[in-house]
Protein backbone atom coordinates (compact mmCIF):
# COMPACT_ATOMS: atom_id res chain seq x y z
CA MET A 1 65.08 195.06 22.90
CA SER A 2 67.27 198.02 21.94
CA ILE A 3 70.84 197.12 22.85
CA THR A 4 73.30 200.03 23.11
CA THR A 5 76.72 199.42 24.55
CA GLY A 6 78.99 202.33 25.31
CA SER A 7 82.71 202.21 26.09
CA GLU A 8 83.25 200.04 29.13
CA GLY A 9 82.86 201.98 32.34
CA GLU A 10 82.38 205.34 30.59
CA PRO A 11 79.33 207.30 31.83
CA GLN A 12 76.86 208.47 29.21
CA ALA A 13 77.47 212.10 30.25
CA HIS A 14 81.14 211.74 29.31
CA LEU A 15 80.12 210.32 25.94
CA ARG A 16 77.93 213.36 25.29
CA VAL A 17 80.75 215.74 26.23
CA ARG A 18 83.18 213.87 23.98
CA ARG A 19 80.75 214.07 21.04
CA ALA A 20 80.21 217.79 21.67
CA VAL A 21 83.97 218.47 21.70
CA SER A 22 84.32 216.46 18.47
CA ASP A 23 81.52 218.50 16.88
CA ILE A 24 83.18 221.78 17.88
CA GLY A 25 86.42 220.70 16.23
CA PHE A 26 84.53 219.63 13.12
CA ARG A 27 82.86 223.02 12.81
CA ARG A 28 86.14 224.88 13.33
CA ARG A 29 87.78 222.91 10.52
CA LEU A 30 84.94 224.10 8.27
CA GLY A 31 85.38 227.70 9.36
CA GLN A 32 82.26 227.96 11.50
CA ALA A 33 82.06 229.17 15.06
CA PRO A 34 80.96 226.52 17.58
CA GLY A 35 77.20 226.56 18.00
CA ALA A 36 76.61 228.73 14.97
CA GLY A 37 74.19 228.07 12.18
CA SER A 38 70.47 227.73 12.78
CA TRP A 39 69.95 227.25 9.04
CA TYR A 40 73.30 226.67 7.42
CA MET A 41 76.97 227.31 8.13
CA MET A 42 79.29 230.01 6.82
CA ARG A 43 80.27 229.85 3.18
CA THR A 44 82.05 226.74 2.03
CA SER A 45 82.41 224.72 -1.17
CA CYS A 46 81.47 221.12 -1.98
CA GLU A 47 85.14 220.16 -2.20
CA SER A 48 86.09 221.62 1.17
CA TYR A 49 83.04 220.15 2.85
CA ALA A 50 83.60 216.69 1.32
CA LYS A 51 87.22 216.67 2.49
CA THR A 52 86.26 217.45 6.07
CA VAL A 53 83.38 214.96 6.25
CA ILE A 54 85.25 212.05 4.66
CA ARG A 55 88.50 212.62 6.57
CA ARG A 56 86.57 212.61 9.83
CA TRP A 57 85.14 209.12 9.24
CA LEU A 58 88.39 207.80 7.80
CA ARG A 59 90.03 208.65 11.11
CA VAL A 60 87.27 206.83 13.03
CA LEU A 61 87.57 203.73 10.85
CA LYS A 62 91.37 203.66 11.19
CA ARG A 63 91.22 204.27 14.95
CA GLN A 64 88.86 201.31 15.52
CA GLN A 65 90.90 198.71 13.63
CA ASP A 66 93.12 197.68 16.56
CA GLY A 67 90.10 197.21 18.81
CA ILE A 68 88.31 195.19 16.10
CA ARG A 69 91.33 192.88 15.73
CA ALA A 70 91.60 192.35 19.48
CA ALA A 71 87.86 191.55 19.76
CA GLU A 72 87.91 192.58 23.41
CA ASP A 73 85.29 195.36 23.24
CA ILE A 74 82.14 194.77 21.18
CA GLU A 75 81.79 198.54 20.76
CA ALA A 76 84.84 198.67 18.48
CA ILE A 77 83.27 196.61 15.73
CA HIS A 78 80.04 198.58 16.07
CA GLN A 79 81.86 201.89 15.66
CA GLY A 80 83.86 200.47 12.76
CA ARG A 81 80.68 199.40 10.97
CA VAL A 82 79.04 202.78 11.59
CA ALA A 83 82.11 204.57 10.21
CA SER A 84 82.04 202.40 7.08
CA ARG A 85 78.34 203.20 6.57
CA ARG A 86 78.88 206.93 6.96
CA LEU A 87 81.78 206.80 4.51
CA ARG A 88 79.57 204.99 2.00
CA THR A 89 76.96 207.73 2.43
CA ALA A 90 79.59 210.43 1.89
CA PHE A 91 80.93 208.69 -1.24
CA TRP A 92 77.36 208.50 -2.56
CA VAL A 93 76.74 212.20 -1.85
CA PHE A 94 80.03 213.42 -3.35
CA GLU A 95 80.55 210.71 -5.97
CA ASP A 96 80.90 213.14 -8.88
CA LEU A 97 83.85 214.93 -7.24
CA PHE A 98 86.12 211.91 -7.73
CA PRO A 99 87.46 210.32 -10.94
CA SER A 100 84.95 208.12 -12.74
CA GLY A 101 84.07 204.93 -10.87
CA LYS A 102 86.40 205.46 -7.90
CA ALA A 103 83.77 206.37 -5.33
CA ARG A 104 81.61 203.47 -6.48
CA ARG A 105 84.49 200.99 -6.06
CA TRP A 106 85.22 202.34 -2.59
CA ARG A 107 81.58 201.89 -1.64
CA ARG A 108 81.63 198.28 -2.82
CA THR A 109 84.74 197.58 -0.76
CA LEU A 110 83.21 199.19 2.31
CA ARG A 111 80.00 197.22 1.78
CA SER A 112 81.98 193.97 1.92
CA VAL A 113 83.74 195.15 5.08
CA ALA A 114 80.43 196.19 6.67
CA ARG A 115 78.89 192.78 5.94
CA ALA A 116 81.71 190.99 7.74
CA PHE A 117 81.48 193.44 10.63
CA GLY A 118 77.67 193.14 10.63
CA ALA A 119 77.62 189.35 10.92
CA ALA A 120 79.88 189.55 13.98
CA ARG A 121 77.94 192.46 15.44
CA ASP A 122 74.63 190.61 15.06
CA LEU A 123 76.05 187.71 17.07
CA ASP A 124 77.24 190.17 19.75
CA VAL A 125 73.71 191.61 19.97
CA GLN A 126 72.12 188.15 20.16
CA ILE A 127 74.50 187.11 22.93
CA VAL A 128 73.67 190.22 24.98
CA PHE A 129 69.93 189.65 24.39
CA LEU A 130 70.11 186.04 25.63
CA GLN A 131 72.20 187.05 28.63
CA ARG A 132 69.58 189.59 29.61
CA LEU A 133 66.80 187.04 29.23
CA ALA A 134 68.71 184.51 31.31
CA ALA A 135 69.41 187.10 34.01
CA ARG A 136 65.65 187.52 34.53
CA LEU A 137 65.18 183.83 35.33
CA ARG A 138 65.89 181.88 38.46
CA PRO A 139 68.20 178.87 38.21
CA SER A 140 66.22 176.30 36.21
CA PRO A 141 66.58 173.98 33.20
CA ARG A 142 65.14 176.76 31.04
CA ARG A 143 67.81 179.22 32.20
CA ALA A 144 70.49 176.59 31.72
CA GLY A 145 69.28 176.07 28.17
CA LEU A 146 69.55 179.79 27.43
CA LEU A 147 73.09 179.92 28.82
CA ALA A 148 74.01 176.88 26.73
CA LEU A 149 72.76 178.76 23.69
CA VAL A 150 74.91 181.74 24.75
CA ASP A 151 77.96 179.46 24.79
CA LEU A 152 77.05 178.20 21.32
CA LEU A 153 76.74 181.72 19.94
CA ARG A 154 80.06 182.69 21.52
CA LYS A 155 81.72 179.85 19.63
CA ARG A 156 80.14 181.04 16.41
CA ARG A 157 81.25 184.59 17.21
CA ALA A 158 84.82 183.35 17.65
CA GLU A 159 84.58 181.54 14.31
CA SER A 160 83.20 184.64 12.58
CA HIS A 161 86.19 186.68 13.78
CA SER A 162 88.27 185.12 11.02
CA ASP A 163 85.92 186.79 8.49
CA VAL A 164 86.38 190.09 10.31
CA LEU A 165 90.17 189.76 10.15
CA GLN A 166 89.89 188.86 6.46
CA ALA A 167 87.86 192.03 5.86
CA LEU A 168 90.51 194.14 7.62
CA LYS A 169 93.18 192.40 5.57
CA MET A 170 91.30 193.24 2.37
CA LEU A 171 90.95 196.85 3.52
CA ARG A 172 94.69 197.02 4.08
CA LYS A 173 95.54 195.18 0.86
CA LYS A 174 93.41 197.53 -1.26
CA ARG A 175 94.91 200.50 0.65
CA LEU A 176 91.51 202.10 0.67
CA ILE A 177 92.21 204.66 3.41
CA GLY A 178 95.45 205.75 1.76
CA LYS A 179 93.88 205.98 -1.71
CA VAL A 180 90.98 208.05 -0.43
CA ARG A 181 93.35 210.45 1.32
CA VAL A 182 95.36 210.88 -1.86
CA ALA A 183 92.17 211.51 -3.85
CA LEU A 184 91.02 214.06 -1.30
CA ALA A 185 94.35 215.86 -1.48
CA LYS A 186 93.97 216.11 -5.26
CA LEU A 187 90.54 217.72 -5.04
CA ARG A 188 90.77 221.32 -6.15
CA ARG A 189 90.43 223.75 -3.31
CA GLY A 190 87.01 225.24 -3.87
CA THR A 191 86.55 228.92 -3.20
CA ALA A 192 84.01 229.65 -0.50
CA THR A 193 81.87 231.92 -2.65
CA GLU A 194 78.12 232.31 -2.50
CA THR A 195 77.83 230.30 -5.72
CA ALA A 196 79.90 227.46 -4.27
CA THR A 197 77.73 227.41 -1.16
CA ASP A 198 74.59 227.36 -3.33
CA ASN A 199 75.97 224.29 -5.12
CA LEU A 200 76.37 222.54 -1.77
CA ARG A 201 72.84 223.54 -0.79
CA ARG A 202 71.43 222.08 -3.98
CA ARG A 203 73.39 218.88 -3.43
CA ALA A 204 72.08 218.58 0.13
CA ARG A 205 68.51 219.21 -1.02
CA SER A 206 68.71 216.61 -3.77
CA CYS A 207 70.23 213.88 -1.57
CA ILE A 208 67.95 214.44 1.43
CA THR A 209 64.85 214.62 -0.78
CA LYS A 210 65.76 211.33 -2.48
CA ARG A 211 66.27 209.54 0.84
CA LEU A 212 63.02 210.95 2.24
CA GLU A 213 61.14 209.77 -0.84
CA GLU A 214 62.58 206.26 -0.37
CA LEU A 215 61.25 206.18 3.20
CA LEU A 216 57.80 207.54 2.40
CA ARG A 217 57.41 205.17 -0.54
CA LEU A 218 57.24 202.36 2.05
CA GLU A 219 54.74 204.17 4.29
CA ARG A 220 51.88 202.06 2.92
CA TYR A 221 53.20 199.06 4.90
CA VAL A 222 53.09 200.74 8.33
CA GLU A 223 49.71 199.18 9.16
CA GLU A 224 50.70 195.70 7.90
CA PRO A 225 52.62 193.81 10.62
CA ALA A 226 53.09 190.69 8.46
CA ARG A 227 55.18 192.65 5.92
CA VAL A 228 58.50 191.56 7.40
CA ARG A 229 60.60 192.27 4.30
CA GLU A 230 59.01 195.65 3.60
CA LEU A 231 59.35 196.81 7.23
CA HIS A 232 63.01 195.79 7.10
CA GLU A 233 63.42 197.85 3.92
CA MET A 234 61.75 200.72 5.74
CA ARG A 235 64.38 200.45 8.51
CA ILE A 236 67.14 200.64 5.91
CA ALA A 237 65.48 203.67 4.29
CA ALA A 238 65.24 205.42 7.68
CA LYS A 239 68.90 204.62 8.36
CA ARG A 240 69.97 206.06 4.99
CA LEU A 241 67.92 209.19 5.59
CA ARG A 242 69.50 209.60 9.01
CA TYR A 243 73.07 209.18 7.70
CA THR A 244 72.41 211.64 4.87
CA LEU A 245 71.01 214.20 7.31
CA GLU A 246 74.01 213.68 9.59
CA CYS A 247 76.31 214.18 6.61
CA PHE A 248 74.87 217.68 6.19
CA GLU A 249 74.28 218.42 9.88
CA PRO A 250 77.28 220.78 10.19
CA PHE A 251 76.09 222.61 7.09
CA TYR A 252 72.54 223.19 8.35
CA GLY A 253 73.36 223.51 12.04
CA ARG A 254 71.01 222.77 14.90
CA GLY A 255 67.91 222.83 12.68
CA THR A 256 68.43 219.22 11.60
CA ALA A 257 68.53 217.77 15.12
CA ARG A 258 64.81 216.96 15.37
CA PHE A 259 64.76 215.33 11.94
CA ILE A 260 67.82 213.23 12.70
CA GLY A 261 66.19 212.23 15.98
CA ALA A 262 63.00 211.21 14.16
CA ALA A 263 64.87 209.11 11.59
CA ARG A 264 66.97 207.53 14.35
CA SER A 265 63.84 206.64 16.36
CA VAL A 266 62.22 204.95 13.34
CA GLN A 267 65.47 203.12 12.54
CA THR A 268 65.87 201.94 16.13
CA VAL A 269 62.37 200.58 16.67
CA LEU A 270 62.33 198.89 13.25
CA GLY A 271 65.77 197.49 14.02
CA ASP A 272 64.38 195.94 17.20
CA LEU A 273 61.48 194.56 15.16
CA HIS A 274 63.86 193.06 12.59
CA ASP A 275 66.01 191.46 15.30
CA LEU A 276 62.92 189.72 16.66
CA ASP A 277 61.87 188.62 13.19
CA VAL A 278 65.32 187.11 12.69
CA TRP A 279 64.97 185.21 15.97
CA LEU A 280 61.54 183.88 15.02
CA GLN A 281 62.58 182.85 11.51
CA SER A 282 65.94 181.30 12.33
CA LEU A 283 65.43 179.86 15.79
CA ASP A 284 65.74 176.27 14.59
CA THR A 285 68.98 176.93 12.71
CA LEU A 286 70.53 178.61 15.74
CA LEU A 287 70.03 175.55 17.92
CA PRO A 288 72.56 172.71 18.07
CA GLU A 289 72.09 169.86 15.62
CA GLY A 290 70.72 166.51 16.77
CA PRO A 291 67.91 165.60 19.16
CA ALA A 292 67.02 168.41 21.54
CA ASP A 293 67.35 167.71 25.26
CA GLU A 294 64.93 169.03 27.87
CA GLN A 295 66.97 172.19 28.55
CA THR A 296 67.18 173.09 24.87
CA THR A 297 63.47 172.47 24.30
CA LEU A 298 62.47 174.59 27.29
CA ALA A 299 64.84 177.38 26.24
CA LYS A 300 63.58 177.30 22.65
CA ASN A 301 59.90 177.44 23.66
CA TYR A 302 60.58 180.27 26.13
CA LEU A 303 62.60 182.19 23.58
CA TYR A 304 59.91 181.77 20.91
CA ARG A 305 57.11 182.96 23.24
CA THR A 306 59.18 185.89 24.46
CA CYS A 307 60.11 187.00 20.95
CA LYS A 308 56.48 186.68 19.83
CA THR A 309 55.30 188.89 22.70
CA LEU A 310 58.10 191.40 22.21
CA ARG A 311 57.44 191.46 18.47
CA THR A 312 53.80 192.44 19.02
CA ARG A 313 54.75 195.15 21.52
CA THR A 314 57.55 196.48 19.33
CA TYR A 315 55.31 196.68 16.27
CA GLU A 316 52.68 198.57 18.28
CA ARG A 317 55.42 200.90 19.51
CA PHE A 318 56.49 201.52 15.90
CA VAL A 319 52.94 202.30 14.72
CA LYS A 320 52.46 204.66 17.66
CA LEU A 321 55.76 206.40 16.87
CA TRP A 322 54.95 206.75 13.17
CA LYS A 323 51.50 208.18 13.87
CA LYS A 324 53.05 210.63 16.33
CA LEU A 325 55.57 211.78 13.72
CA GLU A 326 52.76 212.08 11.17
CA ALA A 327 50.61 214.09 13.59
CA GLN A 328 53.54 216.42 14.20
CA GLY A 329 54.06 216.78 10.46
CA THR A 330 57.70 215.75 10.83
CA TRP A 331 58.30 214.62 7.24
CA GLN A 332 56.44 217.57 5.75
CA ARG A 333 58.43 219.89 7.99
CA LEU A 334 61.65 218.26 6.79
CA ALA A 335 60.60 218.84 3.17
CA GLU A 336 59.79 222.45 4.03
CA PHE A 337 63.06 222.84 5.96
CA VAL A 338 65.08 221.67 2.98
CA GLY A 339 62.98 223.78 0.63
CA ALA A 340 63.23 226.84 2.89
CA ALA A 341 67.01 226.61 2.87
CA HIS A 342 67.16 226.05 -0.90
CA ARG A 343 65.74 228.52 -3.36
CA THR A 344 65.50 227.94 -7.09
CA SER A 345 67.32 230.60 -9.06
CA GLY A 346 65.03 233.58 -9.27
CA ALA A 347 61.93 231.69 -8.13
CA GLY A 348 62.28 232.55 -4.46
CA ARG A 349 60.01 229.77 -3.26
CA PRO A 350 60.54 226.44 -1.42
CA VAL A 351 61.07 223.42 -3.63
CA GLY A 352 61.10 219.68 -2.96
CA GLN A 353 57.70 219.56 -1.22
CA GLU A 354 55.77 218.83 -4.43
CA ARG A 355 57.90 215.79 -5.25
CA ILE A 356 57.54 214.45 -1.72
CA GLN A 357 53.76 214.84 -1.83
CA MET A 358 53.54 213.01 -5.16
CA LYS A 359 55.42 210.02 -3.75
CA ARG A 360 53.46 209.68 -0.54
CA MET A 361 50.57 207.35 -0.03
CA LYS A 362 47.28 209.16 -0.44
CA THR A 363 45.84 210.54 2.75
CA GLU A 364 42.51 208.98 1.83
CA GLU A 365 43.96 205.46 1.89
CA ALA A 366 45.74 205.99 5.21
CA THR A 367 42.51 207.25 6.78
CA LEU A 368 40.40 204.40 5.39
CA VAL A 369 42.87 201.74 6.54
CA ARG A 370 42.73 203.16 10.06
CA GLN A 371 38.92 203.08 9.90
CA ALA A 372 38.91 199.50 8.59
CA LEU A 373 41.25 198.36 11.36
CA ALA A 374 39.08 200.08 13.96
CA LEU A 375 36.04 198.23 12.58
CA ALA A 376 37.95 194.93 12.51
CA LYS A 377 39.11 195.39 16.09
CA SER A 378 35.56 196.14 17.22
CA CYS A 379 34.60 192.72 15.78
CA ASN A 380 37.50 190.94 17.54
CA TYR A 381 39.12 189.95 14.25
CA GLU A 382 41.88 187.36 14.04
CA ARG A 383 44.85 189.66 13.53
CA GLY A 384 47.51 187.21 12.34
CA HIS A 385 45.39 185.50 9.69
CA THR A 386 43.83 188.74 8.47
CA HIS A 387 47.14 190.52 7.89
CA GLN A 388 48.66 187.39 6.36
CA VAL A 389 45.83 187.10 3.82
CA THR A 390 45.96 190.84 3.13
CA ARG A 391 49.70 190.68 2.44
CA ILE A 392 49.34 187.72 0.05
CA ALA A 393 46.40 189.33 -1.78
CA LEU A 394 48.33 192.57 -2.31
CA GLU A 395 51.42 190.68 -3.50
CA LEU A 396 49.25 188.88 -6.06
CA PHE A 397 47.65 192.17 -7.11
CA ASP A 398 51.04 193.84 -7.65
CA GLN A 399 52.51 190.95 -9.63
CA LEU A 400 49.45 190.42 -11.83
CA ARG A 401 48.87 194.06 -12.82
CA PRO A 402 49.49 193.36 -16.55
CA LEU A 403 46.66 190.79 -16.47
CA HIS A 404 43.98 192.51 -14.37
CA GLY A 405 44.79 196.09 -15.48
CA LEU A 406 43.63 197.70 -12.22
CA GLY A 407 45.15 200.73 -10.50
CA GLU A 408 45.94 202.13 -7.06
CA ARG A 409 42.33 202.89 -6.11
CA GLU A 410 41.32 199.28 -6.78
CA ARG A 411 44.36 198.13 -4.79
CA MET A 412 43.06 200.18 -1.86
CA TRP A 413 39.64 198.50 -2.17
CA LEU A 414 41.30 195.07 -2.12
CA ARG A 415 43.24 196.05 0.98
CA LEU A 416 40.09 197.20 2.78
CA GLY A 417 38.11 194.10 1.76
CA SER A 418 40.96 191.83 2.87
CA LEU A 419 41.23 193.51 6.26
CA LEU A 420 37.48 193.07 6.80
CA HIS A 421 36.84 189.68 5.17
CA ASP A 422 36.54 187.73 8.46
CA ILE A 423 34.81 190.29 10.71
CA GLY A 424 31.55 188.33 10.53
CA TRP A 425 33.05 185.29 12.26
CA ARG A 426 30.60 184.05 14.90
CA ASP A 427 28.61 180.89 15.57
CA GLU A 428 31.56 178.75 14.41
CA GLY A 429 31.91 180.79 11.23
CA ARG A 430 28.60 179.92 9.57
CA LYS A 431 27.77 182.46 6.84
CA HIS A 432 30.46 184.76 8.18
CA HIS A 433 31.12 186.09 4.66
CA LYS A 434 27.52 187.33 4.40
CA ILE A 435 27.60 188.73 7.92
CA ALA A 436 30.82 190.60 7.06
CA LEU A 437 29.03 192.19 4.09
CA GLU A 438 26.13 193.36 6.27
CA ILE A 439 28.49 194.80 8.90
CA ILE A 440 30.43 196.73 6.25
CA MET A 441 27.22 198.05 4.68
CA SER A 442 25.87 199.31 8.00
CA SER A 443 28.94 200.36 10.00
CA PRO A 444 29.40 204.11 10.62
CA LEU A 445 33.12 203.49 11.34
CA LEU A 446 33.83 203.22 7.61
CA ALA A 447 33.32 206.63 5.97
CA VAL A 448 33.17 205.84 2.24
CA PRO A 449 30.74 206.58 -0.64
CA ASP A 450 27.91 204.09 -1.15
CA GLU A 451 29.38 202.45 -4.25
CA THR A 452 32.79 202.04 -2.63
CA ARG A 453 31.10 200.53 0.44
CA LYS A 454 29.32 198.00 -1.78
CA ILE A 455 32.52 197.10 -3.62
CA VAL A 456 34.51 196.60 -0.40
CA GLY A 457 31.67 194.64 1.19
CA LEU A 458 31.27 192.37 -1.84
CA ILE A 459 35.02 191.70 -1.99
CA ALA A 460 34.76 190.43 1.58
CA ARG A 461 31.54 188.53 0.84
CA TYR A 462 32.98 186.56 -2.10
CA HIS A 463 36.14 185.37 -0.33
CA ARG A 464 34.36 182.02 0.16
CA ARG A 465 31.45 179.88 -1.03
CA ALA A 466 29.33 181.24 -3.94
CA LEU A 467 30.84 183.15 -6.85
CA PRO A 468 29.47 186.58 -7.87
CA SER A 469 26.03 186.43 -9.47
CA ASP A 470 23.76 189.08 -10.97
CA SER A 471 20.99 187.87 -8.66
CA HIS A 472 22.93 188.70 -5.48
CA GLU A 473 21.98 191.70 -3.39
CA TYR A 474 24.21 194.78 -3.80
CA TYR A 475 26.13 193.11 -6.66
CA CYS A 476 23.18 193.59 -8.98
CA ASP A 477 23.14 197.32 -8.14
CA LEU A 478 26.65 197.90 -9.51
CA ARG A 479 27.56 199.06 -12.97
CA PRO A 480 29.11 196.42 -15.29
CA ARG A 481 32.58 197.85 -14.87
CA SER A 482 32.33 197.80 -11.08
CA ARG A 483 31.02 194.23 -11.19
CA GLU A 484 34.08 193.14 -13.16
CA THR A 485 36.32 194.93 -10.64
CA VAL A 486 34.62 193.04 -7.79
CA ARG A 487 35.17 189.74 -9.63
CA LYS A 488 38.88 190.41 -10.11
CA LEU A 489 39.54 191.62 -6.57
CA SER A 490 37.41 188.88 -4.99
CA ALA A 491 39.34 186.29 -7.00
CA LEU A 492 42.64 187.52 -5.55
CA LEU A 493 41.32 187.59 -1.96
CA ARG A 494 39.64 184.20 -2.36
CA PHE A 495 42.89 182.58 -3.53
CA ALA A 496 44.97 184.33 -0.84
CA ASP A 497 42.56 183.15 1.86
CA GLY A 498 42.89 179.57 0.62
CA LEU A 499 46.68 179.73 0.93
CA ASP A 500 46.30 180.35 4.68
CA ARG A 501 43.58 177.79 5.39
CA THR A 502 45.46 176.54 8.48
CA HIS A 503 45.75 180.12 9.87
CA LEU A 504 49.41 179.36 10.68
CA GLY A 505 50.89 182.09 8.49
CA LEU A 506 53.23 179.65 6.74
CA VAL A 507 53.46 181.47 3.39
CA ARG A 508 56.40 183.87 3.36
CA SER A 509 56.06 185.15 -0.20
CA VAL A 510 54.51 184.34 -3.56
CA ARG A 511 56.03 184.67 -7.02
CA CYS A 512 53.82 184.55 -10.11
CA GLU A 513 54.98 183.16 -13.43
CA VAL A 514 52.55 183.90 -16.26
CA ALA A 515 52.27 181.60 -19.29
CA PRO A 516 49.77 181.78 -22.17
CA ASP A 517 47.61 178.99 -20.76
CA ARG A 518 48.42 178.95 -17.06
CA LEU A 519 49.54 180.91 -14.04
CA VAL A 520 52.23 179.24 -11.92
CA VAL A 521 52.32 180.54 -8.34
CA HIS A 522 55.58 179.69 -6.59
CA ILE A 523 55.19 179.60 -2.80
CA ARG A 524 58.04 180.22 -0.37
CA ALA A 525 56.90 179.00 3.02
CA ALA A 526 58.16 178.16 6.48
CA ARG A 527 57.24 174.55 5.81
CA ARG A 528 55.07 172.50 3.48
CA SER A 529 51.31 172.40 4.10
CA GLU A 530 49.15 170.13 1.97
CA VAL A 531 46.01 171.65 3.50
CA ASP A 532 46.95 175.19 2.44
CA LYS A 533 48.03 174.01 -1.01
CA LEU A 534 44.87 172.01 -1.67
CA THR A 535 42.56 174.73 -0.36
CA GLY A 536 44.45 177.33 -2.38
CA LYS A 537 43.91 175.30 -5.54
CA GLU A 538 40.24 174.83 -4.68
CA LYS A 539 39.71 178.54 -4.09
CA ALA A 540 41.55 179.51 -7.29
CA ASP A 541 38.32 178.81 -9.18
CA LEU A 542 37.29 182.44 -9.62
CA LEU A 543 40.86 183.52 -10.39
CA GLU A 544 41.03 180.95 -13.20
CA GLN A 545 37.79 182.34 -14.66
CA VAL A 546 38.93 185.96 -14.42
CA LEU A 547 42.41 185.39 -15.89
CA GLY A 548 41.44 182.66 -18.35
CA ARG A 549 44.34 180.51 -17.18
CA GLU A 550 44.81 177.40 -15.07
CA VAL A 551 46.36 178.16 -11.70
CA VAL A 552 49.23 175.84 -10.72
CA ILE A 553 50.68 176.02 -7.21
CA GLU A 554 54.37 175.15 -6.75
CA TRP A 555 55.08 174.84 -3.01
């Protein structure tokens, strides 16, 4: 669903040439020969570099304003939004070079402008998406319904243009471009010494490392398709990493190209995924008010099915891309690249890699999740329900840490047990919890120590029916501490499973409010479900025992 619109009638080859010419001019302004720099450019200071980077994107933002006002070319508003984002990145990178608070205020102003531009741009993308869908269909009521929806979105796009004009007016009223230029002119002219260049290197290392850490912190959600919000945050993290790398691209030279490409690929595919999630979540609000006619109903159903199918394919494309980047060691190579170009004073060794490694999800967990999913797939598991229950269980685990006192290893066990809790489903589900336990205990696909295997299997076994008992097989073999861990984790999974009794994935998020005598669980859902609420309350029995509090569900 990736939608990229170049200047009207301009071949992509011409766009590449134009970008290359622009890059040559950029390097000349920094004192570097075109094409030079496999590691970093010729000597320059933070001040000189900041001036060149910021002035470049100020020119782009100013140049696009007439096109944005005219609203004749949808590319203008896209380029304007991109310029505002890159300026915000530059102000974040070089914030300390400006008087106190100025860069932060400029970023806030640009954020407001980008939001107005973004709302209009999102409508442009939705219109193009619907037009492409309609173009694939023969004349029919369904196609007519899609085109009617296009007309509706065009009206909303015209209405949103007033917000865009207001944002441009605010930009002009605050004289942001002029103020930034004045501030840049007042920056002292840094001397291009080796020390000054080292300062810029350290700044680049620090900023890139921070953005990379933000991305890898969300890596744990790659295998969880129901984590809509977290995957969206991952897209934003990839975008910020990309913009930060591009900010320092002239400094490092060609060496950053593969890393920028990797971040852009992740951003793009997750952007497509987010667009589809927006369609699926807001389809009803996008449709005209009042009773739906036949055309609208047909268009809505077709659009929903199409987005569902595309969402599944796009998510699989993202997982495949991420695994490919992992196999290639892309993020580790980026950490090494930054470390190789930055030496600590006197140490003479790469830095930054240790911090990245500490923030990453453990390799053990990533491997075990892949093994658990392979086992679940071999048992024809119900993907939607399984990942929904897993997401809810982990959200409960994270929010109730002060009460259960468990750590990351126990969280991993809960994740594995949740992914495997329904793999024994056969013969209309009779005793499927016990069958799941036996499969886990005997499967060679799951390479874990015996005690871990028992814990994971018992978590899956106790998601329904009987509560843990010392007379039960495998449970009686565990040490007292491990038994208590099984009780706590089973209680979370049991409750989470009850909240998706209908298997419709209605629960969007949970928020826990802890009181001395009760636990209030606030549910945000697509719609109310008495079945899920009642079953959730029924299956909160073990959780109430473990926490010593009554569980109250607020839907």
